């Protein structure tokens, strides 16, 4: 099992950077690559791109980072969802490495 991971899915890249910055300032965490998703109903969303920010560290630090990131993102364009996984299993770890920024 690995470190805790916290994920915050937000509307747009600018919001992702604001969330990432707030999370990193709030706690001792590292950040993994952002992930993107353009859902089928993108035209109906406030911003047509969803971005996931992933924080790594201890459960307490990740939780603090996610809370700060959610607060910051809500001041910009909003949060779609957020979640903290305390102890990541190996199979889940593989899935966390998948991201959309390498794809066209």
Protein backbone atom coordinates (compact mmCIF):
# COMPACT_ATOMS: atom_id res chain seq x y z
CA UNK A 1 0.00 0.00 0.00
CA UNK A 2 1.17 3.49 -0.83
CA UNK A 3 0.73 6.95 0.56
CA UNK A 4 -2.65 8.58 0.82
CA UNK A 5 -3.97 10.26 -2.29
CA UNK A 6 -6.47 13.08 -2.47
CA UNK A 7 -8.25 13.99 -5.68
CA UNK A 8 -10.08 17.20 -6.47
CA UNK A 9 -11.97 17.43 -9.77
CA UNK A 10 -12.60 21.01 -10.86
CA UNK A 11 -13.95 23.05 -13.77
CA UNK A 12 -11.04 24.24 -15.93
CA UNK A 13 -7.27 24.45 -15.87
CA UNK A 14 -7.06 27.84 -14.14
CA UNK A 15 -9.17 26.48 -11.29
CA UNK A 16 -6.91 23.42 -11.13
CA UNK A 17 -3.84 25.63 -10.69
CA UNK A 18 -5.58 27.68 -7.99
CA UNK A 19 -6.62 24.48 -6.18
CA UNK A 20 -3.14 22.98 -6.52
CA UNK A 21 -1.47 26.10 -5.17
CA UNK A 22 -3.81 26.30 -2.17
CA UNK A 23 -3.39 22.61 -1.37
CA UNK A 24 0.39 22.77 -1.53
CA UNK A 25 0.48 25.85 0.70
CA UNK A 26 -1.85 24.25 3.25
CA UNK A 27 0.01 20.98 3.80
CA UNK A 28 3.17 19.00 3.19
CA UNK A 29 2.09 17.17 0.03
CA UNK A 30 3.37 16.40 -3.41
CA UNK A 31 1.34 16.80 -6.58
CA UNK A 32 1.04 14.33 -9.41
CA UNK A 33 0.23 15.16 -13.00
CA UNK A 34 -3.12 16.76 -13.58
CA UNK A 35 -5.68 14.70 -15.46
CA UNK A 36 -8.27 16.06 -17.86
CA UNK A 37 -11.66 15.00 -19.09
CA UNK A 38 -13.98 16.61 -21.60
CA UNK A 39 -17.36 15.02 -20.87
CA UNK A 40 -20.09 14.51 -23.44
CA UNK A 41 -22.18 17.31 -21.88
CA UNK A 42 -19.26 19.77 -21.91
CA UNK A 43 -21.35 22.54 -23.50
CA UNK A 44 -23.68 22.52 -20.49
CA UNK A 45 -20.88 22.91 -17.91
CA UNK A 46 -19.59 26.23 -16.51
CA UNK A 47 -16.22 25.40 -18.13
CA UNK A 48 -16.07 22.62 -20.78
CA UNK A 49 -13.00 20.91 -19.31
CA UNK A 50 -12.74 18.95 -16.08
CA UNK A 51 -9.32 18.66 -14.44
CA UNK A 52 -8.29 16.40 -11.55
CA UNK A 53 -5.58 17.52 -9.13
CA UNK A 54 -3.94 14.66 -7.17
CA UNK A 55 -2.16 15.22 -3.86
CA UNK A 56 0.10 12.65 -2.14
CA UNK A 57 1.28 12.45 1.47
CA UNK A 58 0.07 11.39 4.88
CA UNK A 59 -3.67 11.12 5.43
CA UNK A 60 -3.72 14.26 7.59
CA UNK A 61 -1.71 16.31 5.10
CA UNK A 62 -3.68 15.09 2.09
CA UNK A 63 -6.96 15.82 3.85
CA UNK A 64 -5.80 19.35 4.69
CA UNK A 65 -4.63 19.89 1.09
CA UNK A 66 -7.93 18.69 -0.35
CA UNK A 67 -9.93 20.93 1.99
CA UNK A 68 -7.84 23.97 1.01
CA UNK A 69 -8.04 23.05 -2.69
CA UNK A 70 -11.83 22.72 -2.56
CA UNK A 71 -12.16 26.10 -0.87
CA UNK A 72 -9.90 27.78 -3.45
CA UNK A 73 -11.58 26.08 -6.42
CA UNK A 74 -15.01 27.15 -5.25
CA UNK A 75 -13.83 30.77 -5.37
CA UNK A 76 -12.92 30.37 -9.07
CA UNK A 77 -15.29 28.14 -11.04
CA UNK A 78 -16.20 25.27 -8.74
CA UNK A 79 -15.61 21.69 -7.71
CA UNK A 80 -17.15 18.66 -9.37
CA UNK A 81 -16.03 16.14 -6.73
CA UNK A 82 -13.28 15.36 -4.25
CA UNK A 83 -12.12 12.27 -2.39
CA UNK A 84 -9.28 11.02 -0.16
CA UNK A 85 -8.01 7.43 -0.31
CA UNK A 86 -6.07 6.75 2.93
CA UNK A 87 -4.04 3.71 1.79
CA UNK A 88 -3.89 3.10 -1.93
CA UNK A 89 -3.85 -0.54 -3.04
CA UNK A 90 -1.43 -1.61 -5.79
CA UNK A 91 -4.16 -2.10 -8.41
CA UNK A 92 -5.64 1.31 -7.68
CA UNK A 93 -2.14 2.76 -7.86
CA UNK A 94 -1.89 1.59 -11.48
CA UNK A 95 -5.14 3.33 -12.34
CA UNK A 96 -3.99 6.58 -10.71
CA UNK A 97 -1.12 6.76 -13.20
CA UNK A 98 -3.54 7.04 -16.14
CA UNK A 99 -4.07 10.60 -17.32
CA UNK A 100 -5.44 12.37 -20.37
CA UNK A 101 -2.87 15.10 -20.98
CA UNK A 102 -0.71 12.76 -23.08
CA UNK A 103 -3.61 12.05 -25.41
CA UNK A 104 -4.82 14.21 -28.26
